[in-house]
Protein backbone atom coordinates (compact mmCIF):
# COMPACT_ATOMS: atom_id res chain seq x y z
CA UNK A 1 -33.29 49.23 61.38
CA UNK A 2 -32.23 46.36 59.15
CA UNK A 3 -33.28 46.72 55.53
CA UNK A 4 -35.59 43.98 54.25
CA UNK A 5 -35.10 41.78 51.20
CA UNK A 6 -36.92 42.19 47.90
CA UNK A 7 -37.76 39.00 45.99
CA UNK A 8 -39.53 38.90 42.64
CA UNK A 9 -41.08 36.00 40.76
CA UNK A 10 -41.09 35.93 36.97
CA UNK A 11 -42.15 33.64 34.14
CA UNK A 12 -44.46 33.38 31.17
CA UNK A 13 -48.15 32.79 31.81
CA UNK A 14 -48.59 29.24 33.07
CA UNK A 15 -45.09 29.00 34.59
CA UNK A 16 -46.47 28.20 38.07
CA UNK A 17 -45.49 31.37 39.91
CA UNK A 18 -48.67 31.49 41.98
CA UNK A 19 -48.13 27.94 43.23
CA UNK A 20 -44.57 28.73 44.29
CA UNK A 21 -45.54 32.05 45.84
CA UNK A 22 -47.56 30.39 48.60
CA UNK A 23 -44.72 28.02 49.50
CA UNK A 24 -42.11 30.78 49.59
CA UNK A 25 -44.30 32.94 51.79
CA UNK A 26 -44.86 30.08 54.24
CA UNK A 27 -41.15 29.26 54.37
CA UNK A 28 -40.25 32.85 55.23
CA UNK A 29 -42.97 33.17 57.86
CA UNK A 30 -41.82 29.96 59.55
CA UNK A 31 -38.45 31.66 59.97
CA UNK A 32 -40.14 34.56 61.71
CA UNK A 33 -39.81 36.95 58.78
CA UNK A 34 -42.56 39.49 58.20
CA UNK A 35 -43.55 39.09 54.55
CA UNK A 36 -45.44 41.51 52.32
CA UNK A 37 -46.90 39.69 49.31
CA UNK A 38 -47.85 41.84 46.35
CA UNK A 39 -48.17 41.78 42.57
CA UNK A 40 -47.70 43.70 39.34
CA UNK A 41 -49.40 45.35 37.74
CA UNK A 42 -51.28 46.27 40.90
CA UNK A 43 -50.40 46.25 44.57
CA UNK A 44 -52.02 49.62 45.35
CA UNK A 45 -55.53 51.02 44.85
CA UNK A 46 -54.35 52.99 41.81
CA UNK A 47 -52.26 50.07 40.56
CA UNK A 48 -55.21 47.72 40.72
CA UNK A 49 -57.31 50.11 38.64
CA UNK A 50 -54.51 50.25 36.06
CA UNK A 51 -54.26 46.45 36.22
CA UNK A 52 -57.93 46.16 35.31
CA UNK A 53 -57.30 48.29 32.21
CA UNK A 54 -54.11 46.49 31.23
CA UNK A 55 -55.67 43.02 31.50
CA UNK A 56 -59.02 43.89 29.92
CA UNK A 57 -59.18 41.66 26.84
CA UNK A 58 -61.77 43.93 25.24
CA UNK A 59 -59.28 46.82 25.09
CA UNK A 60 -56.51 47.45 22.60
CA UNK A 61 -53.64 49.86 23.21
CA UNK A 62 -50.34 50.95 21.70
CA UNK A 63 -47.32 49.07 23.12
CA UNK A 64 -45.89 52.35 24.43
CA UNK A 65 -49.16 53.13 26.20
CA UNK A 66 -49.05 49.67 27.76
CA UNK A 67 -45.46 50.17 28.94
CA UNK A 68 -46.16 53.62 30.37
CA UNK A 69 -49.16 52.33 32.31
CA UNK A 70 -47.05 49.45 33.66
CA UNK A 71 -44.37 51.82 34.91
CA UNK A 72 -46.93 54.26 36.29
CA UNK A 73 -48.41 51.44 38.38
CA UNK A 74 -44.87 50.38 39.36
CA UNK A 75 -43.88 53.83 40.58
CA UNK A 76 -46.94 53.96 42.82
CA UNK A 77 -46.20 50.41 43.96
CA UNK A 78 -42.67 51.33 45.00
CA UNK A 79 -43.79 54.47 46.81
CA UNK A 80 -46.77 53.03 48.67
CA UNK A 81 -45.83 49.39 49.29
CA UNK A 82 -42.35 48.15 48.42
CA UNK A 83 -40.05 50.86 49.79
CA UNK A 84 -41.96 51.45 53.07
CA UNK A 85 -41.95 47.71 53.80
CA UNK A 86 -38.25 47.29 53.05
CA UNK A 87 -37.37 50.29 55.20
CA UNK A 88 -39.23 48.66 58.11
CA UNK A 89 -37.12 45.54 57.71
CA UNK A 90 -39.89 43.46 56.13
CA UNK A 91 -39.32 41.17 53.17
CA UNK A 92 -41.33 41.87 50.01
CA UNK A 93 -42.31 39.21 47.49
CA UNK A 94 -43.75 40.53 44.25
CA UNK A 95 -45.40 38.47 41.55
CA UNK A 96 -43.61 40.23 38.65
CA UNK A 97 -41.57 43.43 38.49
CA UNK A 98 -39.56 45.25 35.83
CA UNK A 99 -38.13 42.12 34.20
CA UNK A 100 -41.72 41.44 33.09
CA UNK A 101 -41.79 44.75 31.20
CA UNK A 102 -38.62 43.83 29.30
CA UNK A 103 -40.12 40.40 28.54
CA UNK A 104 -43.72 41.32 27.69
CA UNK A 105 -43.52 44.86 26.34
CA UNK A 106 -39.97 44.48 25.02
CA UNK A 107 -39.91 40.90 23.78
CA UNK A 108 -43.61 40.27 23.28
CA UNK A 109 -44.67 43.64 21.87
CA UNK A 110 -41.34 44.50 20.25
CA UNK A 111 -40.90 47.78 22.11
CA UNK A 112 -37.44 49.37 21.92
CA UNK A 113 -35.45 48.11 24.92
CA UNK A 114 -33.71 51.47 25.26
CA UNK A 115 -37.06 53.11 25.99
CA UNK A 116 -37.71 50.55 28.72
CA UNK A 117 -34.26 51.17 30.20
CA UNK A 118 -35.06 54.90 30.39
CA UNK A 119 -38.34 54.17 32.17
CA UNK A 120 -36.55 51.79 34.54
CA UNK A 121 -33.94 54.41 35.45
CA UNK A 122 -36.62 57.04 35.90
CA UNK A 123 -38.85 54.83 38.02
CA UNK A 124 -36.38 52.97 40.25
CA UNK A 125 -32.77 53.91 39.60
CA UNK A 126 -31.71 53.10 43.18
CA UNK A 127 -33.41 49.76 43.77
CA UNK A 128 -33.40 46.32 42.19
CA UNK A 129 -34.65 43.01 43.57
CA UNK A 130 -32.21 41.16 45.83
CA UNK A 131 -33.29 37.95 44.13
CA UNK A 132 -35.43 37.14 41.10
CA UNK A 133 -36.74 33.63 40.63
CA UNK A 134 -37.45 33.05 36.96
CA UNK A 135 -39.60 29.95 36.43
CA UNK A 136 -38.85 28.76 32.93
CA UNK A 137 -41.29 26.52 31.09
CA UNK A 138 -41.77 25.75 27.43
CA UNK A 139 -44.42 27.78 25.68
CA UNK A 140 -46.38 24.60 25.03
CA UNK A 141 -46.51 23.73 28.75
CA UNK A 142 -47.45 27.29 29.67
CA UNK A 143 -50.27 27.43 27.16
CA UNK A 144 -51.58 24.02 28.21
CA UNK A 145 -51.85 25.25 31.80
CA UNK A 146 -53.48 28.53 30.77
CA UNK A 147 -56.03 26.65 28.65
CA UNK A 148 -57.38 25.10 31.84
CA UNK A 149 -58.39 28.52 33.22
CA UNK A 150 -62.06 29.46 33.15
CA UNK A 151 -61.26 32.82 31.57
CA UNK A 152 -58.14 34.47 30.20
CA UNK A 153 -56.95 38.08 30.27
CA UNK A 154 -55.54 40.30 27.51
CA UNK A 155 -52.07 38.76 27.80
CA UNK A 156 -53.08 35.15 28.38
CA UNK A 157 -55.12 35.16 25.17
CA UNK A 158 -52.03 35.95 23.05
CA UNK A 159 -50.75 33.47 20.50
CA UNK A 160 -47.82 31.04 20.77
CA UNK A 161 -45.44 33.32 18.86
CA UNK A 162 -45.99 36.12 21.38
CA UNK A 163 -45.02 33.89 24.31
CA UNK A 164 -42.02 32.54 22.44
CA UNK A 165 -40.73 36.12 22.17
CA UNK A 166 -41.53 36.74 25.83
CA UNK A 167 -39.64 33.63 26.91
CA UNK A 168 -36.66 34.53 24.73
CA UNK A 169 -36.53 37.97 26.34
CA UNK A 170 -36.69 36.44 29.83
CA UNK A 171 -33.83 34.08 29.03
CA UNK A 172 -31.79 37.02 27.75
CA UNK A 173 -32.43 38.92 31.00
CA UNK A 174 -31.29 35.86 32.96
CA UNK A 175 -28.06 35.75 30.96
CA UNK A 176 -27.59 39.49 31.40
CA UNK A 177 -28.07 39.47 35.19
CA UNK A 178 -26.95 36.03 36.45
CA UNK A 179 -26.03 37.40 39.88
CA UNK A 180 -29.66 38.40 40.52
CA UNK A 181 -31.85 36.15 38.38
CA UNK A 182 -31.99 32.46 39.27
CA UNK A 183 -33.28 30.40 36.36
CA UNK A 184 -35.42 27.48 37.56
CA UNK A 185 -36.60 24.70 35.26
CA UNK A 186 -40.34 24.71 36.01
CA UNK A 187 -41.01 21.89 33.53
CA UNK A 188 -39.80 19.53 36.28
CA UNK A 189 -42.10 17.94 38.90
CA UNK A 190 -43.48 20.35 41.48
CA UNK A 191 -41.50 18.78 44.33
CA UNK A 192 -38.23 19.24 42.42
CA UNK A 193 -39.01 22.87 41.71
CA UNK A 194 -39.88 23.51 45.35
CA UNK A 195 -36.59 21.96 46.46
CA UNK A 196 -34.58 24.25 44.16
CA UNK A 197 -36.53 27.26 45.40
CA UNK A 198 -35.86 26.36 49.03
CA UNK A 199 -32.15 25.85 48.37
CA UNK A 200 -31.97 29.23 46.65
CA UNK A 201 -33.74 30.97 49.52
CA UNK A 202 -31.45 29.36 52.10
CA UNK A 203 -28.48 30.88 50.30
CA UNK A 204 -30.22 34.27 50.56
CA UNK A 205 -30.81 33.73 54.29
CA UNK A 206 -27.08 33.23 54.74
CA UNK A 207 -26.44 36.73 53.39
CA UNK A 208 -29.36 38.41 55.16
């Protein structure tokens, strides 16, 4: 059976991933592709419980604890959702994956990148996304969008400097893996962003 495609969406809080996720899912389904939409942290019963802990703004935790919980949820996610779907020929779209750990725990929290690389190899040494769409916005735009939310989580409540480090780490990942990560200027009008996303996906269809 044909192996499915694995697409991940990345960006700082307020980058507009959720808005794009719906459009991407619809585009794939119109083409007759079975799509599994999921998220990180989360995606499984255990992962969602860990998500609740990780996003609880009343909790504090060591950066290494945070990273370990992220990868624990990810391992379960791969085993229970991502790999079974791909093996059945379905396409999987995940709102965040390991690039987020390098950006948030590595860049934002200042955790040693080498430790994250070890966790990445341990957790999913044989699989990487086929395509990662990184929606890049300025920190100011991201925070303005987040400020419109009724409530914020433990990450969304962080200060400007934190998100500047996160964005810098994301941009470094995009430079490091240009063959996988497509950098999309999400400061542009929504229609322009959607057009770039569609063009990028059409190129993926051609290699499916």
